[in-house]
């Protein structure tokens, strides 16, 4: 009984990864299209991005496993727009330092990455 359980476990370990690879290699255009929408690489992300994603998906190089999403910043770390604006001026990234620099600082501050 014990040997048959061990043999069964080893056989399952050998067969299951191959089944996953086989299922991935059979990715249809429809499943890749749905996956591109879920991952933000759909047609609205731009033709080049979407086409590259579709090529990679149909070739089987993109995993169908759920992508890990970053955890949102906690309420304690998010800040108000006014506080971020004051911090940007204080740290030299205010509106007069350039549009791109200021916008980048504000985006990071509002996301809670700058305190």
N, C-alpha and C. Protein backbone atom coordinates (compact mmCIF):
# COMPACT_ATOMS: atom_id res chain seq x y z
N UNK A 1 0.82 -1.18 0.00
CA UNK A 1 0.00 0.00 0.00
C UNK A 1 0.87 1.26 0.00
N UNK A 2 1.89 1.23 0.83
CA UNK A 2 2.76 2.39 0.95
C UNK A 2 3.54 2.63 -0.35
N UNK A 3 4.00 1.54 -0.97
CA UNK A 3 4.75 1.67 -2.22
C UNK A 3 3.87 2.22 -3.33
N UNK A 4 2.64 1.78 -3.38
CA UNK A 4 1.76 2.25 -4.45
C UNK A 4 1.47 3.75 -4.27
N UNK A 5 1.37 4.22 -3.03
CA UNK A 5 1.16 5.65 -2.79
C UNK A 5 2.37 6.46 -3.23
N UNK A 6 3.55 5.94 -2.99
CA UNK A 6 4.78 6.62 -3.40
C UNK A 6 4.89 6.64 -4.91
N UNK A 7 4.60 5.52 -5.55
CA UNK A 7 4.65 5.44 -7.01
C UNK A 7 3.62 6.40 -7.62
N UNK A 8 2.43 6.43 -7.08
CA UNK A 8 1.39 7.33 -7.57
C UNK A 8 1.82 8.79 -7.43
N UNK A 9 2.40 9.14 -6.30
CA UNK A 9 2.85 10.51 -6.06
C UNK A 9 3.94 10.90 -7.06
N UNK A 10 4.89 10.03 -7.28
CA UNK A 10 5.97 10.32 -8.24
C UNK A 10 5.42 10.45 -9.65
N UNK A 11 4.49 9.58 -10.02
CA UNK A 11 3.89 9.66 -11.36
C UNK A 11 3.14 10.98 -11.53
N UNK A 12 2.40 11.40 -10.51
CA UNK A 12 1.66 12.67 -10.58
C UNK A 12 2.62 13.84 -10.70
N UNK A 13 3.72 13.78 -9.98
CA UNK A 13 4.70 14.87 -10.04
C UNK A 13 5.33 14.97 -11.42
N UNK A 14 5.43 13.86 -12.13
CA UNK A 14 6.02 13.86 -13.45
C UNK A 14 5.01 14.28 -14.53
N UNK A 15 3.76 13.93 -14.35
CA UNK A 15 2.75 14.19 -15.37
C UNK A 15 2.17 15.60 -15.27
N UNK A 16 1.89 16.09 -14.09
CA UNK A 16 1.22 17.38 -13.93
C UNK A 16 1.97 18.56 -14.54
N UNK A 17 3.28 18.71 -14.35
CA UNK A 17 3.96 19.84 -15.00
C UNK A 17 3.88 19.77 -16.53
N UNK A 18 3.92 18.58 -17.08
CA UNK A 18 3.80 18.44 -18.53
C UNK A 18 2.41 18.82 -19.01
N UNK A 19 1.39 18.54 -18.20
CA UNK A 19 0.01 18.90 -18.56
C UNK A 19 -0.14 20.41 -18.57
N UNK A 20 0.48 21.08 -17.63
CA UNK A 20 0.40 22.54 -17.59
C UNK A 20 1.10 23.14 -18.81
N UNK A 21 2.26 22.62 -19.16
CA UNK A 21 2.98 23.11 -20.33
C UNK A 21 2.18 22.85 -21.59
N UNK A 22 1.55 21.68 -21.68
CA UNK A 22 0.74 21.35 -22.85
C UNK A 22 -0.46 22.28 -22.95
N UNK A 23 -1.12 22.55 -21.83
CA UNK A 23 -2.28 23.46 -21.84
C UNK A 23 -1.84 24.85 -22.24
N UNK A 24 -0.68 25.28 -21.76
CA UNK A 24 -0.18 26.61 -22.10
C UNK A 24 0.16 26.68 -23.58
N UNK A 25 0.69 25.61 -24.14
CA UNK A 25 1.06 25.64 -25.55
C UNK A 25 -0.17 25.68 -26.45
N UNK A 26 -1.32 25.31 -25.92
CA UNK A 26 -2.55 25.34 -26.69
C UNK A 26 -3.31 26.65 -26.50
N UNK A 27 -2.65 27.68 -26.08
CA UNK A 27 -3.32 28.96 -25.85
C UNK A 27 -3.94 29.46 -27.15
N UNK A 28 -5.21 29.78 -27.06
CA UNK A 28 -5.90 30.27 -28.25
C UNK A 28 -5.81 31.79 -28.28
N UNK A 29 -6.17 32.33 -29.41
CA UNK A 29 -6.16 33.79 -29.55
C UNK A 29 -7.11 34.42 -28.56
N UNK A 30 -8.26 33.79 -28.35
CA UNK A 30 -9.27 34.34 -27.44
C UNK A 30 -8.77 34.37 -26.00
N UNK A 31 -8.10 33.29 -25.54
CA UNK A 31 -7.60 33.28 -24.17
C UNK A 31 -6.47 34.29 -23.99
N UNK A 32 -5.63 34.44 -25.00
CA UNK A 32 -4.55 35.43 -24.91
C UNK A 32 -5.12 36.85 -24.91
N UNK A 33 -6.15 37.07 -25.69
CA UNK A 33 -6.79 38.40 -25.73
C UNK A 33 -7.39 38.74 -24.37
N UNK A 34 -8.07 37.78 -23.75
CA UNK A 34 -8.65 38.01 -22.43
C UNK A 34 -7.55 38.26 -21.39
N UNK A 35 -6.47 37.52 -21.48
CA UNK A 35 -5.35 37.71 -20.55
C UNK A 35 -4.71 39.08 -20.73
N UNK A 36 -4.61 39.54 -21.98
CA UNK A 36 -4.02 40.86 -22.23
C UNK A 36 -4.88 41.96 -21.62
N UNK A 37 -6.20 41.80 -21.67
CA UNK A 37 -7.10 42.79 -21.07
C UNK A 37 -6.93 42.82 -19.55
N UNK A 38 -6.84 41.62 -18.95
CA UNK A 38 -6.69 41.56 -17.49
C UNK A 38 -5.36 42.15 -17.03
N UNK A 39 -4.32 42.01 -17.83
CA UNK A 39 -2.99 42.48 -17.42
C UNK A 39 -2.67 43.88 -17.89
N UNK A 40 -3.62 44.57 -18.53
CA UNK A 40 -3.39 45.94 -18.95
C UNK A 40 -2.57 46.06 -20.23
N UNK A 41 -2.51 45.01 -21.00
CA UNK A 41 -1.78 45.04 -22.27
C UNK A 41 -2.73 44.88 -23.45
N UNK A 42 -3.96 45.30 -23.26
CA UNK A 42 -4.96 45.20 -24.32
C UNK A 42 -4.71 46.22 -25.41
N UNK A 43 -5.61 46.29 -26.39
CA UNK A 43 -5.44 47.22 -27.50
C UNK A 43 -5.34 48.69 -27.06
N UNK A 44 -5.97 49.03 -25.95
CA UNK A 44 -5.90 50.42 -25.49
C UNK A 44 -4.53 50.78 -24.92
N UNK A 45 -3.68 49.79 -24.66
CA UNK A 45 -2.32 50.05 -24.15
C UNK A 45 -1.37 50.45 -25.27
N UNK A 46 -1.84 50.34 -26.50
CA UNK A 46 -1.00 50.67 -27.65
C UNK A 46 -0.79 49.45 -28.52
N UNK A 47 -0.72 49.68 -29.81
CA UNK A 47 -0.59 48.55 -30.74
C UNK A 47 0.69 47.76 -30.53
N UNK A 48 1.80 48.44 -30.35
CA UNK A 48 3.08 47.73 -30.21
C UNK A 48 3.07 46.85 -28.96
N UNK A 49 2.60 47.41 -27.84
CA UNK A 49 2.55 46.64 -26.59
C UNK A 49 1.62 45.45 -26.72
N UNK A 50 0.45 45.68 -27.29
CA UNK A 50 -0.54 44.61 -27.42
C UNK A 50 -0.04 43.53 -28.38
N UNK A 51 0.52 43.92 -29.49
CA UNK A 51 1.02 42.93 -30.45
C UNK A 51 2.14 42.08 -29.86
N UNK A 52 3.05 42.70 -29.12
CA UNK A 52 4.14 41.95 -28.50
C UNK A 52 3.60 40.98 -27.46
N UNK A 53 2.62 41.44 -26.66
CA UNK A 53 2.01 40.56 -25.66
C UNK A 53 1.34 39.36 -26.34
N UNK A 54 0.61 39.61 -27.41
CA UNK A 54 -0.09 38.53 -28.11
C UNK A 54 0.91 37.53 -28.72
N UNK A 55 2.00 38.03 -29.30
CA UNK A 55 3.02 37.14 -29.86
C UNK A 55 3.61 36.25 -28.76
N UNK A 56 3.96 36.88 -27.64
CA UNK A 56 4.55 36.11 -26.54
C UNK A 56 3.56 35.10 -25.96
N UNK A 57 2.31 35.50 -25.84
CA UNK A 57 1.29 34.61 -25.27
C UNK A 57 1.05 33.42 -26.18
N UNK A 58 0.88 33.67 -27.45
CA UNK A 58 0.63 32.58 -28.39
C UNK A 58 1.84 31.65 -28.53
N UNK A 59 3.04 32.19 -28.27
CA UNK A 59 4.24 31.36 -28.30
C UNK A 59 4.39 30.55 -27.02
N UNK A 60 3.59 30.88 -25.99
CA UNK A 60 3.63 30.12 -24.74
C UNK A 60 4.62 30.63 -23.73
N UNK A 61 5.13 31.85 -23.90
CA UNK A 61 6.14 32.36 -22.96
C UNK A 61 5.53 33.17 -21.83
N UNK A 62 4.23 33.44 -21.87
CA UNK A 62 3.58 34.20 -20.81
C UNK A 62 2.77 33.23 -19.95
N UNK A 63 2.95 33.33 -18.65
CA UNK A 63 2.27 32.44 -17.72
C UNK A 63 0.80 32.86 -17.57
N UNK A 64 -0.07 31.87 -17.46
CA UNK A 64 -1.49 32.15 -17.25
C UNK A 64 -1.81 32.27 -15.77
N UNK A 65 -0.83 32.02 -14.91
CA UNK A 65 -1.05 32.15 -13.48
C UNK A 65 -1.33 33.61 -13.15
N UNK A 66 -2.09 33.83 -12.12
CA UNK A 66 -2.46 35.19 -11.74
C UNK A 66 -1.21 35.99 -11.38
N UNK A 67 -1.11 37.17 -11.96
CA UNK A 67 0.03 38.04 -11.66
C UNK A 67 -0.13 38.63 -10.27
N UNK A 68 0.96 38.80 -9.59
CA UNK A 68 0.93 39.37 -8.24
C UNK A 68 0.76 40.88 -8.35
N UNK A 69 -0.25 41.41 -7.68
CA UNK A 69 -0.48 42.84 -7.71
C UNK A 69 0.12 43.47 -6.46
N UNK A 70 0.71 44.64 -6.61
CA UNK A 70 1.30 45.28 -5.43
C UNK A 70 0.21 45.72 -4.46
N UNK A 71 0.54 45.65 -3.20
CA UNK A 71 -0.41 46.07 -2.17
C UNK A 71 -0.52 47.59 -2.16
N UNK A 72 -1.72 48.12 -2.02
CA UNK A 72 -1.86 49.57 -1.97
C UNK A 72 -1.25 50.13 -0.68
N UNK A 73 -0.88 51.39 -0.74
CA UNK A 73 -0.31 52.04 0.45
C UNK A 73 -1.37 52.13 1.53
N UNK A 74 -0.95 51.99 2.76
CA UNK A 74 -1.90 52.07 3.85
C UNK A 74 -2.38 53.52 4.00
N UNK A 75 -3.47 53.68 4.70
CA UNK A 75 -4.05 55.01 4.88
C UNK A 75 -3.07 55.96 5.59
N UNK A 76 -2.24 55.39 6.45
CA UNK A 76 -1.30 56.24 7.17
C UNK A 76 -0.23 56.82 6.24
N UNK A 77 0.04 56.15 5.12
CA UNK A 77 1.09 56.60 4.22
C UNK A 77 0.59 57.49 3.09
N UNK A 78 -0.69 57.44 2.80
CA UNK A 78 -1.20 58.30 1.74
C UNK A 78 -1.35 59.71 2.29
N UNK A 79 -1.11 60.67 1.42
CA UNK A 79 -1.12 62.06 1.87
C UNK A 79 -2.04 62.88 1.00
N UNK A 80 -2.42 64.03 1.50
CA UNK A 80 -3.29 64.91 0.74
C UNK A 80 -2.49 65.63 -0.34
N UNK A 81 -3.19 66.14 -1.34
CA UNK A 81 -2.55 66.85 -2.42
C UNK A 81 -1.81 68.08 -1.90
N UNK A 82 -2.44 68.79 -0.97
CA UNK A 82 -1.81 70.01 -0.43
C UNK A 82 -0.52 69.68 0.31
N UNK A 83 -0.52 68.60 1.09
CA UNK A 83 0.68 68.22 1.82
C UNK A 83 1.80 67.83 0.85
N UNK A 84 1.44 67.11 -0.21
CA UNK A 84 2.43 66.72 -1.21
C UNK A 84 2.96 67.96 -1.94
N UNK A 85 2.09 68.90 -2.23
CA UNK A 85 2.51 70.13 -2.90
C UNK A 85 3.51 70.89 -2.02
N UNK A 86 3.23 70.99 -0.73
CA UNK A 86 4.14 71.67 0.19
C UNK A 86 5.49 70.93 0.28
N UNK A 87 5.43 69.59 0.31
CA UNK A 87 6.67 68.81 0.36
C UNK A 87 7.49 69.00 -0.91
N UNK A 88 6.82 69.08 -2.06
CA UNK A 88 7.55 69.24 -3.31
C UNK A 88 8.31 70.57 -3.34
N UNK A 89 7.68 71.63 -2.85
CA UNK A 89 8.34 72.93 -2.81
C UNK A 89 9.50 72.89 -1.82
N UNK A 90 9.25 72.27 -0.68
CA UNK A 90 10.26 72.18 0.37
C UNK A 90 11.49 71.39 -0.09
N UNK A 91 11.28 70.37 -0.90
CA UNK A 91 12.38 69.50 -1.32
C UNK A 91 12.94 69.85 -2.69
N UNK A 92 12.52 70.95 -3.27
CA UNK A 92 13.09 71.40 -4.53
C UNK A 92 12.48 70.78 -5.77
N UNK A 93 11.32 70.18 -5.63
CA UNK A 93 10.64 69.58 -6.78
C UNK A 93 9.30 70.27 -7.04
N UNK A 94 9.26 71.54 -6.72
CA UNK A 94 8.03 72.31 -6.90
C UNK A 94 7.72 72.57 -8.36
N UNK A 95 6.63 73.28 -8.63
CA UNK A 95 6.23 73.56 -10.01
C UNK A 95 7.29 74.30 -10.82
N UNK A 96 8.11 75.09 -10.17
CA UNK A 96 9.14 75.84 -10.89
C UNK A 96 10.37 75.00 -11.23
N UNK A 97 10.43 73.75 -10.75
CA UNK A 97 11.58 72.89 -11.05
C UNK A 97 11.42 72.13 -12.36
N UNK A 98 10.30 72.27 -12.98
CA UNK A 98 10.04 71.56 -14.25
C UNK A 98 8.80 70.70 -14.12
N UNK A 99 8.05 70.66 -15.20
CA UNK A 99 6.77 69.96 -15.19
C UNK A 99 6.94 68.46 -14.92
N UNK A 100 7.88 67.81 -15.59
CA UNK A 100 8.07 66.37 -15.44
C UNK A 100 8.54 66.00 -14.03
N UNK A 101 9.47 66.76 -13.50
CA UNK A 101 10.00 66.50 -12.16
C UNK A 101 8.89 66.66 -11.12
N UNK A 102 8.14 67.74 -11.24
CA UNK A 102 7.08 68.01 -10.27
C UNK A 102 5.99 66.94 -10.35
N UNK A 103 5.60 66.56 -11.56
CA UNK A 103 4.54 65.57 -11.72
C UNK A 103 4.99 64.21 -11.17
N UNK A 104 6.24 63.85 -11.40
CA UNK A 104 6.76 62.59 -10.88
C UNK A 104 6.77 62.60 -9.36
N UNK A 105 7.20 63.69 -8.78
CA UNK A 105 7.23 63.81 -7.32
C UNK A 105 5.82 63.70 -6.75
N UNK A 106 4.88 64.39 -7.36
CA UNK A 106 3.50 64.38 -6.86
C UNK A 106 2.89 62.98 -6.96
N UNK A 107 3.15 62.28 -8.06
CA UNK A 107 2.60 60.94 -8.24
C UNK A 107 3.15 60.00 -7.16
N UNK A 108 4.45 60.07 -6.91
CA UNK A 108 5.06 59.22 -5.88
C UNK A 108 4.57 59.59 -4.49
N UNK A 109 4.42 60.88 -4.24
CA UNK A 109 3.96 61.32 -2.93
C UNK A 109 2.52 60.87 -2.66
N UNK A 110 1.66 61.03 -3.65
CA UNK A 110 0.26 60.63 -3.47
C UNK A 110 0.11 59.12 -3.32
N UNK A 111 1.05 58.36 -3.90
CA UNK A 111 1.02 56.90 -3.76
C UNK A 111 1.56 56.45 -2.41
N UNK A 112 2.16 57.38 -1.66
CA UNK A 112 2.66 57.04 -0.34
C UNK A 112 4.11 56.62 -0.32
N UNK A 113 4.84 56.80 -1.43
CA UNK A 113 6.25 56.40 -1.47
C UNK A 113 7.17 57.47 -0.91
N UNK A 114 6.69 58.70 -0.82
CA UNK A 114 7.48 59.80 -0.26
C UNK A 114 6.79 60.29 0.99
N UNK A 115 7.54 60.42 2.05
CA UNK A 115 6.96 60.88 3.31
C UNK A 115 7.66 62.12 3.78
